[in-house]
Amino acid sequence: MKQIYTKTHNKYKIKGKKKFNFLTSGSFGLKAISCGRITKEKWESIQWALRKKFKAKLGAKQNKIWGLIELNNSLTKLNLESRMGKGKGLVYTKSKFVREGALLFEFDSFPQQFQKEIVGFLQSKISLKLKLVEF
């Protein structure tokens, strides 16, 4: 049987989308249902707000939160007044394009009643649609 290759401008093969991811270290997690881009500043502010909110609610318990996104794109920008042909510009932030089915967070040692509250809180902070994933 012969494999079919599609021609692209890139030298790497097109891989299929991941429809699911498995939890590796936590008891439940959050999965993206829609696609979108997350910048470095947005990602750090989401993590900070999440830790602050649940540290105030749950006290000094050992609740664990894993952020599973690695930022891999560099966004560049030129001045508004620069002419064409002056190069690419300086890197102003890093980002990650999140696809459907990507795990964003994993949580461990959280009480059951906080799971829906976590989803609602992060849904208001992130422009992506989220879904709760459990064992």
Protein backbone atom coordinates (compact mmCIF):
# COMPACT_ATOMS: atom_id res chain seq x y z
CA MET A 1 0.00 0.00 0.00
CA LYS A 2 1.38 3.38 -1.00
CA GLN A 3 1.23 6.41 1.29
CA ILE A 4 -0.18 9.63 -0.11
CA TYR A 5 1.91 12.74 0.52
CA THR A 6 0.53 16.22 0.06
CA LYS A 7 2.83 18.88 -1.28
CA THR A 8 3.39 21.85 1.00
CA HIS A 9 5.69 24.84 1.11
CA ASN A 10 7.17 23.50 4.33
CA LYS A 11 9.54 20.57 4.36
CA TYR A 12 7.79 18.75 7.21
CA LYS A 13 4.82 16.44 6.80
CA ILE A 14 1.32 17.53 7.71
CA LYS A 15 0.23 15.67 10.81
CA GLY A 16 -3.36 15.08 11.82
CA LYS A 17 -5.08 17.01 14.57
CA LYS A 18 -5.14 15.54 18.03
CA LYS A 19 -8.73 14.92 18.97
CA PHE A 20 -7.86 14.03 22.56
CA ASN A 21 -5.05 14.31 25.07
CA PHE A 22 -4.51 12.22 28.16
CA LEU A 23 -4.02 13.57 31.66
CA THR A 24 -0.47 12.88 32.79
CA SER A 25 -0.05 14.34 36.26
CA GLY A 26 -3.35 15.74 37.55
CA SER A 27 -6.76 14.37 38.46
CA PHE A 28 -8.68 16.70 36.12
CA GLY A 29 -7.83 19.25 33.46
CA LEU A 30 -9.08 21.85 31.00
CA LYS A 31 -9.16 21.22 27.28
CA ALA A 32 -9.63 23.76 24.46
CA ILE A 33 -12.63 23.16 22.20
CA SER A 34 -11.91 26.06 19.84
CA CYS A 35 -8.76 27.42 18.17
CA GLY A 36 -6.98 30.65 19.03
CA ARG A 37 -3.73 32.40 19.91
CA ILE A 38 -2.45 33.02 23.44
CA THR A 39 0.33 35.54 24.00
CA LYS A 40 2.96 35.40 26.73
CA GLU A 41 1.46 38.29 28.72
CA LYS A 42 -2.05 36.80 28.62
CA TRP A 43 -0.80 33.35 29.64
CA GLU A 44 1.19 34.71 32.61
CA SER A 45 -1.71 36.86 33.81
CA ILE A 46 -4.11 33.87 33.62
CA GLN A 47 -1.76 31.69 35.67
CA TRP A 48 -1.21 34.45 38.25
CA ALA A 49 -4.96 35.15 38.63
CA LEU A 50 -5.76 31.45 38.96
CA ARG A 51 -3.18 30.87 41.70
CA LYS A 52 -4.23 34.02 43.57
CA LYS A 53 -7.95 33.16 43.47
CA PHE A 54 -7.61 29.62 44.79
CA LYS A 55 -4.91 30.43 47.32
CA ALA A 56 -7.34 32.91 48.89
CA LYS A 57 -10.23 30.39 48.84
CA LEU A 58 -8.45 27.21 49.88
CA GLY A 59 -5.73 28.63 52.11
CA ALA A 60 -2.24 27.17 52.25
CA LYS A 61 -3.21 23.68 51.08
CA GLN A 62 -0.94 21.94 48.59
CA ASN A 63 -3.06 22.38 45.47
CA LYS A 64 -1.12 21.76 42.29
CA ILE A 65 -1.67 23.50 38.97
CA TRP A 66 0.24 22.62 35.81
CA GLY A 67 0.19 24.96 32.80
CA LEU A 68 0.82 22.78 29.76
CA ILE A 69 1.42 25.35 27.03
CA GLU A 70 4.89 26.07 25.66
CA LEU A 71 5.15 29.36 23.78
CA ASN A 72 6.81 28.63 20.44
CA ASN A 73 6.05 31.55 18.08
CA SER A 74 7.82 34.91 18.11
CA LEU A 75 5.68 37.88 17.09
CA THR A 76 7.53 40.73 15.40
CA LYS A 77 6.51 44.28 14.60
CA LEU A 78 7.93 47.29 12.76
CA ASN A 79 7.22 50.96 13.47
CA LEU A 80 4.17 52.45 11.78
CA GLU A 81 6.29 54.98 9.89
CA SER A 82 8.88 52.52 8.54
CA ARG A 83 8.95 51.83 4.82
CA MET A 84 8.65 48.47 3.17
CA GLY A 85 11.81 46.44 2.66
CA LYS A 86 13.42 47.32 6.00
CA GLY A 87 13.40 43.80 7.40
CA LYS A 88 11.16 41.86 9.70
CA GLY A 89 11.25 43.97 12.84
CA LEU A 90 11.91 43.36 16.50
CA VAL A 91 10.37 40.55 18.54
CA TYR A 92 7.79 42.08 20.87
CA THR A 93 6.24 38.96 22.42
CA LYS A 94 5.97 35.17 22.21
CA SER A 95 2.78 33.26 21.51
CA LYS A 96 1.23 29.84 20.98
CA PHE A 97 -1.52 28.89 18.56
CA VAL A 98 -3.80 26.54 20.48
CA ARG A 99 -5.68 23.94 18.44
CA GLU A 100 -8.84 22.04 19.29
CA GLY A 101 -8.26 19.28 21.81
CA ALA A 102 -5.12 20.75 23.41
CA LEU A 103 -4.85 20.48 27.19
CA LEU A 104 -4.21 23.87 28.79
CA PHE A 105 -4.15 23.09 32.52
CA GLU A 106 -4.06 20.09 34.83
CA PHE A 107 -5.13 20.27 38.46
CA ASP A 108 -4.57 18.03 41.46
CA SER A 109 -5.79 18.08 45.10
CA PHE A 110 -8.74 20.39 44.41
CA PRO A 111 -12.13 19.69 46.02
CA GLN A 112 -14.89 18.48 43.70
CA GLN A 113 -17.07 21.59 44.18
CA PHE A 114 -14.40 23.91 42.73
CA GLN A 115 -14.21 22.23 39.32
CA LYS A 116 -17.10 24.14 37.75
CA GLU A 117 -15.88 27.35 39.37
CA ILE A 118 -12.44 26.87 37.79
CA VAL A 119 -13.99 26.36 34.34
CA GLY A 120 -16.16 29.47 34.70
CA PHE A 121 -13.27 31.58 35.96
CA LEU A 122 -10.91 30.57 33.15
CA GLN A 123 -13.64 30.85 30.52
CA SER A 124 -14.01 34.53 31.43
CA LYS A 125 -10.23 35.09 31.15
CA ILE A 126 -9.49 33.14 27.93
CA SER A 127 -11.14 33.78 24.58
CA LEU A 128 -11.19 30.03 23.84
CA LYS A 129 -14.02 27.64 24.64
CA LEU A 130 -13.03 25.19 27.38
CA LYS A 131 -14.16 21.76 28.50
CA LEU A 132 -13.52 19.88 31.75
CA VAL A 133 -11.65 16.56 31.39
CA GLU A 134 -11.52 13.96 34.18
CA PHE A 135 -10.16 10.46 34.67
